[in-house]
Amino acid sequence: MNANTQFKPLLKLKGLRAQHMMTQADIADKLGISKATYNRKENGIGQFDANEITCILKMFNVNYEQIFIS
């Protein structure tokens, strides 16, 4: 990554998490990752893998586009 790289936080995911009154730690635990790793991914610094995406979609009963497409 270079210094000009801008990260795009997943605001829809943050909103869903807040609606369901879940913390980053709650979701990280369900995904089997650390809170710090989840935080980076939610803030666009890392990417969720396919298994994590599937788990998130099931957790919130939404489709991919509702979270991951602007």
PDB file of N, CA and C in Angstrom:
ATOM      1  N   MET A   1       0.828  -1.175   0.000  1.00  0.00           N
ATOM      2  CA  MET A   1       0.000   0.000   0.000  1.00  0.00           C
ATOM      3  C   MET A   1       0.875   1.241   0.000  1.00  0.00           C
ATOM      4  N   ASN A   2       0.430   2.234  -0.755  1.00  0.00           N
ATOM      5  CA  ASN A   2       1.177   3.476  -0.735  1.00  0.00           C
ATOM      6  C   ASN A   2       0.459   4.501   0.133  1.00  0.00           C
ATOM      7  N   ALA A   3       1.095   5.634   0.309  1.00  0.00           N
ATOM      8  CA  ALA A   3       0.546   6.661   1.195  1.00  0.00           C
ATOM      9  C   ALA A   3      -0.751   7.261   0.666  1.00  0.00           C
ATOM     10  N   ASN A   4      -1.007   7.135  -0.634  1.00  0.00           N
ATOM     11  CA  ASN A   4      -2.214   7.713  -1.226  1.00  0.00           C
ATOM     12  C   ASN A   4      -3.417   6.786  -1.158  1.00  0.00           C
ATOM     13  N   THR A   5      -3.229   5.578  -0.688  1.00  0.00           N
ATOM     14  CA  THR A   5      -4.326   4.622  -0.599  1.00  0.00           C
ATOM     15  C   THR A   5      -5.339   5.115   0.434  1.00  0.00           C
ATOM     16  N   GLN A   6      -6.605   5.177   0.003  1.00  0.00           N
ATOM     17  CA  GLN A   6      -7.661   5.575   0.924  1.00  0.00           C
ATOM     18  C   GLN A   6      -8.525   4.367   1.228  1.00  0.00           C
ATOM     19  N   PHE A   7      -8.892   4.229   2.466  1.00  0.00           N
ATOM     20  CA  PHE A   7      -9.695   3.101   2.888  1.00  0.00           C
ATOM     21  C   PHE A   7     -11.156   3.524   2.966  1.00  0.00           C
ATOM     22  N   LYS A   8     -12.036   2.624   2.594  1.00  0.00           N
ATOM     23  CA  LYS A   8     -13.455   2.923   2.628  1.00  0.00           C
ATOM     24  C   LYS A   8     -14.100   2.063   3.704  1.00  0.00           C
ATOM     25  N   PRO A   9     -14.505   2.680   4.800  1.00  0.00           N
ATOM     26  CA  PRO A   9     -15.141   1.898   5.861  1.00  0.00           C
ATOM     27  C   PRO A   9     -16.480   1.330   5.387  1.00  0.00           C
ATOM     28  N   LEU A  10     -16.842   0.203   5.937  1.00  0.00           N
ATOM     29  CA  LEU A  10     -18.114  -0.437   5.596  1.00  0.00           C
ATOM     30  C   LEU A  10     -19.203   0.136   6.497  1.00  0.00           C
ATOM     31  N   LEU A  11     -19.686   1.317   6.124  1.00  0.00           N
ATOM     32  CA  LEU A  11     -20.660   2.026   6.953  1.00  0.00           C
ATOM     33  C   LEU A  11     -21.967   1.263   7.086  1.00  0.00           C
ATOM     34  N   LYS A  12     -22.357   0.526   6.048  1.00  0.00           N
ATOM     35  CA  LYS A  12     -23.595  -0.252   6.127  1.00  0.00           C
ATOM     36  C   LYS A  12     -23.455  -1.354   7.172  1.00  0.00           C
ATOM     37  N   LEU A  13     -22.282  -1.956   7.230  1.00  0.00           N
ATOM     38  CA  LEU A  13     -22.037  -3.001   8.222  1.00  0.00           C
ATOM     39  C   LEU A  13     -22.042  -2.401   9.629  1.00  0.00           C
ATOM     40  N   LYS A  14     -21.426  -1.249   9.778  1.00  0.00           N
ATOM     41  CA  LYS A  14     -21.435  -0.581  11.085  1.00  0.00           C
ATOM     42  C   LYS A  14     -22.868  -0.284  11.513  1.00  0.00           C
ATOM     43  N   GLY A  15     -23.678   0.189  10.571  1.00  0.00           N
ATOM     44  CA  GLY A  15     -25.075   0.503  10.872  1.00  0.00           C
ATOM     45  C   GLY A  15     -25.860  -0.722  11.294  1.00  0.00           C
ATOM     46  N   LEU A  16     -25.680  -1.829  10.554  1.00  0.00           N
ATOM     47  CA  LEU A  16     -26.375  -3.072  10.908  1.00  0.00           C
ATOM     48  C   LEU A  16     -25.939  -3.561  12.285  1.00  0.00           C
ATOM     49  N   ARG A  17     -24.654  -3.458  12.533  1.00  0.00           N
ATOM     50  CA  ARG A  17     -24.125  -3.899  13.827  1.00  0.00           C
ATOM     51  C   ARG A  17     -24.759  -3.076  14.948  1.00  0.00           C
ATOM     52  N   ALA A  18     -24.861  -1.772  14.743  1.00  0.00           N
ATOM     53  CA  ALA A  18     -25.470  -0.898  15.752  1.00  0.00           C
ATOM     54  C   ALA A  18     -26.956  -1.216  15.925  1.00  0.00           C
ATOM     55  N   GLN A  19     -27.662  -1.434  14.807  1.00  0.00           N
ATOM     56  CA  GLN A  19     -29.089  -1.775  14.871  1.00  0.00           C
ATOM     57  C   GLN A  19     -29.328  -3.024  15.704  1.00  0.00           C
ATOM     58  N   HIS A  20     -28.427  -3.977  15.578  1.00  0.00           N
ATOM     59  CA  HIS A  20     -28.557  -5.241  16.300  1.00  0.00           C
ATOM     60  C   HIS A  20     -27.882  -5.194  17.672  1.00  0.00           C
ATOM     61  N   MET A  21     -27.450  -3.998  18.060  1.00  0.00           N
ATOM     62  CA  MET A  21     -26.802  -3.780  19.351  1.00  0.00           C
ATOM     63  C   MET A  21     -25.656  -4.770  19.590  1.00  0.00           C
ATOM     64  N   MET A  22     -24.824  -4.919  18.577  1.00  0.00           N
ATOM     65  CA  MET A  22     -23.663  -5.799  18.671  1.00  0.00           C
ATOM     66  C   MET A  22     -22.398  -4.955  18.660  1.00  0.00           C
ATOM     67  N   THR A  23     -21.415  -5.396  19.405  1.00  0.00           N
ATOM     68  CA  THR A  23     -20.119  -4.723  19.402  1.00  0.00           C
ATOM     69  C   THR A  23     -19.220  -5.379  18.361  1.00  0.00           C
ATOM     70  N   GLN A  24     -18.118  -4.724  18.078  1.00  0.00           N
ATOM     71  CA  GLN A  24     -17.135  -5.328  17.187  1.00  0.00           C
ATOM     72  C   GLN A  24     -16.637  -6.639  17.788  1.00  0.00           C
ATOM     73  N   ALA A  25     -16.485  -6.672  19.087  1.00  0.00           N
ATOM     74  CA  ALA A  25     -16.036  -7.893  19.763  1.00  0.00           C
ATOM     75  C   ALA A  25     -17.044  -9.024  19.584  1.00  0.00           C
ATOM     76  N   ASP A  26     -18.342  -8.701  19.617  1.00  0.00           N
ATOM     77  CA  ASP A  26     -19.379  -9.724  19.425  1.00  0.00           C
ATOM     78  C   ASP A  26     -19.227 -10.391  18.055  1.00  0.00           C
ATOM     79  N   ILE A  27     -19.098  -9.570  17.033  1.00  0.00           N
ATOM     80  CA  ILE A  27     -19.006 -10.128  15.679  1.00  0.00           C
ATOM     81  C   ILE A  27     -17.672 -10.840  15.483  1.00  0.00           C
ATOM     82  N   ALA A  28     -16.605 -10.239  15.990  1.00  0.00           N
ATOM     83  CA  ALA A  28     -15.287 -10.880  15.877  1.00  0.00           C
ATOM     84  C   ALA A  28     -15.317 -12.276  16.482  1.00  0.00           C
ATOM     85  N   ASP A  29     -15.967 -12.413  17.625  1.00  0.00           N
ATOM     86  CA  ASP A  29     -16.070 -13.708  18.293  1.00  0.00           C
ATOM     87  C   ASP A  29     -16.806 -14.714  17.407  1.00  0.00           C
ATOM     88  N   LYS A  30     -17.904 -14.276  16.788  1.00  0.00           N
ATOM     89  CA  LYS A  30     -18.671 -15.172  15.912  1.00  0.00           C
ATOM     90  C   LYS A  30     -17.876 -15.559  14.663  1.00  0.00           C
ATOM     91  N   LEU A  31     -16.993 -14.659  14.209  1.00  0.00           N
ATOM     92  CA  LEU A  31     -16.181 -14.945  13.021  1.00  0.00           C
ATOM     93  C   LEU A  31     -14.902 -15.714  13.368  1.00  0.00           C
ATOM     94  N   GLY A  32     -14.586 -15.775  14.654  1.00  0.00           N
ATOM     95  CA  GLY A  32     -13.371 -16.475  15.073  1.00  0.00           C
ATOM     96  C   GLY A  32     -12.107 -15.678  14.802  1.00  0.00           C
ATOM     97  N   ILE A  33     -12.221 -14.346  14.861  1.00  0.00           N
ATOM     98  CA  ILE A  33     -11.066 -13.478  14.668  1.00  0.00           C
ATOM     99  C   ILE A  33     -10.974 -12.518  15.845  1.00  0.00           C
ATOM    100  N   SER A  34      -9.855 -11.834  15.964  1.00  0.00           N
ATOM    101  CA  SER A  34      -9.703 -10.881  17.065  1.00  0.00           C
ATOM    102  C   SER A  34     -10.509  -9.617  16.789  1.00  0.00           C
ATOM    103  N   LYS A  35     -10.796  -8.890  17.855  1.00  0.00           N
ATOM    104  CA  LYS A  35     -11.515  -7.620  17.714  1.00  0.00           C
ATOM    105  C   LYS A  35     -10.699  -6.657  16.865  1.00  0.00           C
ATOM    106  N   ALA A  36      -9.394  -6.641  17.046  1.00  0.00           N
ATOM    107  CA  ALA A  36      -8.530  -5.741  16.274  1.00  0.00           C
ATOM    108  C   ALA A  36      -8.591  -6.069  14.782  1.00  0.00           C
ATOM    109  N   THR A  37      -8.581  -7.353  14.453  1.00  0.00           N
ATOM    110  CA  THR A  37      -8.675  -7.764  13.049  1.00  0.00           C
ATOM    111  C   THR A  37     -10.021  -7.369  12.479  1.00  0.00           C
ATOM    112  N   TYR A  38     -11.082  -7.600  13.252  1.00  0.00           N
ATOM    113  CA  TYR A  38     -12.413  -7.211  12.781  1.00  0.00           C
ATOM    114  C   TYR A  38     -12.474  -5.704  12.565  1.00  0.00           C
ATOM    115  N   ASN A  39     -11.952  -4.943  13.503  1.00  0.00           N
ATOM    116  CA  ASN A  39     -11.962  -3.484  13.405  1.00  0.00           C
ATOM    117  C   ASN A  39     -11.292  -3.031  12.111  1.00  0.00           C
ATOM    118  N   ARG A  40     -10.147  -3.595  11.797  1.00  0.00           N
ATOM    119  CA  ARG A  40      -9.443  -3.221  10.565  1.00  0.00           C
ATOM    120  C   ARG A  40     -10.295  -3.534   9.342  1.00  0.00           C
ATOM    121  N   LYS A  41     -10.928  -4.693   9.342  1.00  0.00           N
ATOM    122  CA  LYS A  41     -11.749  -5.086   8.193  1.00  0.00           C
ATOM    123  C   LYS A  41     -12.984  -4.201   8.065  1.00  0.00           C
ATOM    124  N   GLU A  42     -13.647  -3.911   9.161  1.00  0.00           N
ATOM    125  CA  GLU A  42     -14.831  -3.063   9.121  1.00  0.00           C
ATOM    126  C   GLU A  42     -14.466  -1.653   8.660  1.00  0.00           C
ATOM    127  N   ASN A  43     -13.257  -1.227   8.960  1.00  0.00           N
ATOM    128  CA  ASN A  43     -12.803   0.103   8.568  1.00  0.00           C
ATOM    129  C   ASN A  43     -12.094   0.126   7.218  1.00  0.00           C
ATOM    130  N   GLY A  44     -12.157  -0.985   6.493  1.00  0.00           N
ATOM    131  CA  GLY A  44     -11.642  -1.023   5.134  1.00  0.00           C
ATOM    132  C   GLY A  44     -10.151  -1.201   5.004  1.00  0.00           C
ATOM    133  N   ILE A  45      -9.484  -1.518   6.090  1.00  0.00           N
ATOM    134  CA  ILE A  45      -8.030  -1.693   6.041  1.00  0.00           C
ATOM    135  C   ILE A  45      -7.673  -3.109   5.613  1.00  0.00           C
ATOM    136  N   GLY A  46      -8.521  -4.054   5.904  1.00  0.00           N
ATOM    137  CA  GLY A  46      -8.360  -5.438   5.459  1.00  0.00           C
ATOM    138  C   GLY A  46      -9.626  -5.877   4.756  1.00  0.00           C
ATOM    139  N   GLN A  47      -9.618  -7.077   4.222  1.00  0.00           N
ATOM    140  CA  GLN A  47     -10.796  -7.594   3.537  1.00  0.00           C
ATOM    141  C   GLN A  47     -11.316  -8.838   4.247  1.00  0.00           C
ATOM    142  N   PHE A  48     -12.634  -8.953   4.276  1.00  0.00           N
ATOM    143  CA  PHE A  48     -13.245 -10.155   4.815  1.00  0.00           C
ATOM    144  C   PHE A  48     -13.050 -11.279   3.808  1.00  0.00           C
ATOM    145  N   ASP A  49     -12.795 -12.489   4.313  1.00  0.00           N
ATOM    146  CA  ASP A  49     -12.705 -13.628   3.395  1.00  0.00           C
ATOM    147  C   ASP A  49     -14.113 -14.163   3.121  1.00  0.00           C
ATOM    148  N   ALA A  50     -14.216 -15.099   2.203  1.00  0.00           N
ATOM    149  CA  ALA A  50     -15.522 -15.610   1.776  1.00  0.00           C
ATOM    150  C   ALA A  50     -16.318 -16.210   2.932  1.00  0.00           C
ATOM    151  N   ASN A  51     -15.663 -16.944   3.811  1.00  0.00           N
ATOM    152  CA  ASN A  51     -16.358 -17.544   4.958  1.00  0.00           C
ATOM    153  C   ASN A  51     -16.884 -16.478   5.915  1.00  0.00           C
ATOM    154  N   GLU A  52     -16.093 -15.442   6.142  1.00  0.00           N
ATOM    155  CA  GLU A  52     -16.523 -14.358   7.027  1.00  0.00           C
ATOM    156  C   GLU A  52     -17.717 -13.613   6.417  1.00  0.00           C
ATOM    157  N   ILE A  53     -17.665 -13.372   5.118  1.00  0.00           N
ATOM    158  CA  ILE A  53     -18.778 -12.695   4.443  1.00  0.00           C
ATOM    159  C   ILE A  53     -20.048 -13.522   4.566  1.00  0.00           C
ATOM    160  N   THR A  54     -19.945 -14.812   4.318  1.00  0.00           N
ATOM    161  CA  THR A  54     -21.110 -15.699   4.418  1.00  0.00           C
ATOM    162  C   THR A  54     -21.697 -15.652   5.823  1.00  0.00           C
ATOM    163  N   CYS A  55     -20.851 -15.687   6.826  1.00  0.00           N
ATOM    164  CA  CYS A  55     -21.298 -15.641   8.222  1.00  0.00           C
ATOM    165  C   CYS A  55     -21.996 -14.313   8.523  1.00  0.00           C
ATOM    166  N   ILE A  56     -21.434 -13.205   8.058  1.00  0.00           N
ATOM    167  CA  ILE A  56     -22.019 -11.886   8.285  1.00  0.00           C
ATOM    168  C   ILE A  56     -23.391 -11.793   7.623  1.00  0.00           C
ATOM    169  N   LEU A  57     -23.504 -12.279   6.392  1.00  0.00           N
ATOM    170  CA  LEU A  57     -24.781 -12.224   5.671  1.00  0.00           C
ATOM    171  C   LEU A  57     -25.848 -13.022   6.405  1.00  0.00           C
ATOM    172  N   LYS A  58     -25.482 -14.198   6.910  1.00  0.00           N
ATOM    173  CA  LYS A  58     -26.434 -15.019   7.665  1.00  0.00           C
ATOM    174  C   LYS A  58     -26.782 -14.371   8.999  1.00  0.00           C
ATOM    175  N   MET A  59     -25.790 -13.789   9.633  1.00  0.00           N
ATOM    176  CA  MET A  59     -25.980 -13.168  10.941  1.00  0.00           C
ATOM    177  C   MET A  59     -27.036 -12.058  10.872  1.00  0.00           C
ATOM    178  N   PHE A  60     -26.996 -11.271   9.798  1.00  0.00           N
ATOM    179  CA  PHE A  60     -27.905 -10.141   9.667  1.00  0.00           C
ATOM    180  C   PHE A  60     -29.053 -10.400   8.689  1.00  0.00           C
ATOM    181  N   ASN A  61     -29.086 -11.606   8.126  1.00  0.00           N
ATOM    182  CA  ASN A  61     -30.140 -11.998   7.190  1.00  0.00           C
ATOM    183  C   ASN A  61     -30.291 -10.975   6.049  1.00  0.00           C
ATOM    184  N   VAL A  62     -29.170 -10.672   5.410  1.00  0.00           N
ATOM    185  CA  VAL A  62     -29.137  -9.735   4.297  1.00  0.00           C
ATOM    186  C   VAL A  62     -28.373 -10.360   3.138  1.00  0.00           C
ATOM    187  N   ASN A  63     -28.433  -9.702   1.973  1.00  0.00           N
ATOM    188  CA  ASN A  63     -27.638 -10.201   0.859  1.00  0.00           C
ATOM    189  C   ASN A  63     -26.387  -9.356   0.707  1.00  0.00           C
ATOM    190  N   TYR A  64     -25.481  -9.830  -0.098  1.00  0.00           N
ATOM    191  CA  TYR A  64     -24.161  -9.215  -0.277  1.00  0.00           C
ATOM    192  C   TYR A  64     -24.275  -7.733  -0.616  1.00  0.00           C
ATOM    193  N   GLU A  65     -25.138  -7.407  -1.545  1.00  0.00           N
ATOM    194  CA  GLU A  65     -25.263  -6.038  -2.025  1.00  0.00           C
ATOM    195  C   GLU A  65     -25.683  -5.067  -0.927  1.00  0.00           C
ATOM    196  N   GLN A  66     -26.446  -5.542   0.036  1.00  0.00           N
ATOM    197  CA  GLN A  66     -26.933  -4.688   1.106  1.00  0.00           C
ATOM    198  C   GLN A  66     -25.824  -4.190   2.026  1.00  0.00           C
ATOM    199  N   ILE A  67     -24.690  -4.869   2.028  1.00  0.00           N
ATOM    200  CA  ILE A  67     -23.587  -4.468   2.892  1.00  0.00           C
ATOM    201  C   ILE A  67     -22.360  -4.038   2.095  1.00  0.00           C
ATOM    202  N   PHE A  68     -21.999  -4.839   1.119  1.00  0.00           N
ATOM    203  CA  PHE A  68     -20.682  -4.690   0.503  1.00  0.00           C
ATOM    204  C   PHE A  68     -20.667  -3.920  -0.808  1.00  0.00           C
ATOM    205  N   ILE A  69     -21.825  -3.487  -1.309  1.00  0.00           N
ATOM    206  CA  ILE A  69     -21.872  -2.708  -2.543  1.00  0.00           C
ATOM    207  C   ILE A  69     -22.393  -1.315  -2.185  1.00  0.00           C
ATOM    208  N   SER A  70     -21.701  -0.292  -2.656  1.00  0.00           N
ATOM    209  CA  SER A  70     -22.115   1.095  -2.365  1.00  0.00           C
ATOM    210  C   SER A  70     -23.347   1.483  -3.115  1.00  0.00           C
TER     211      SER A  70
END
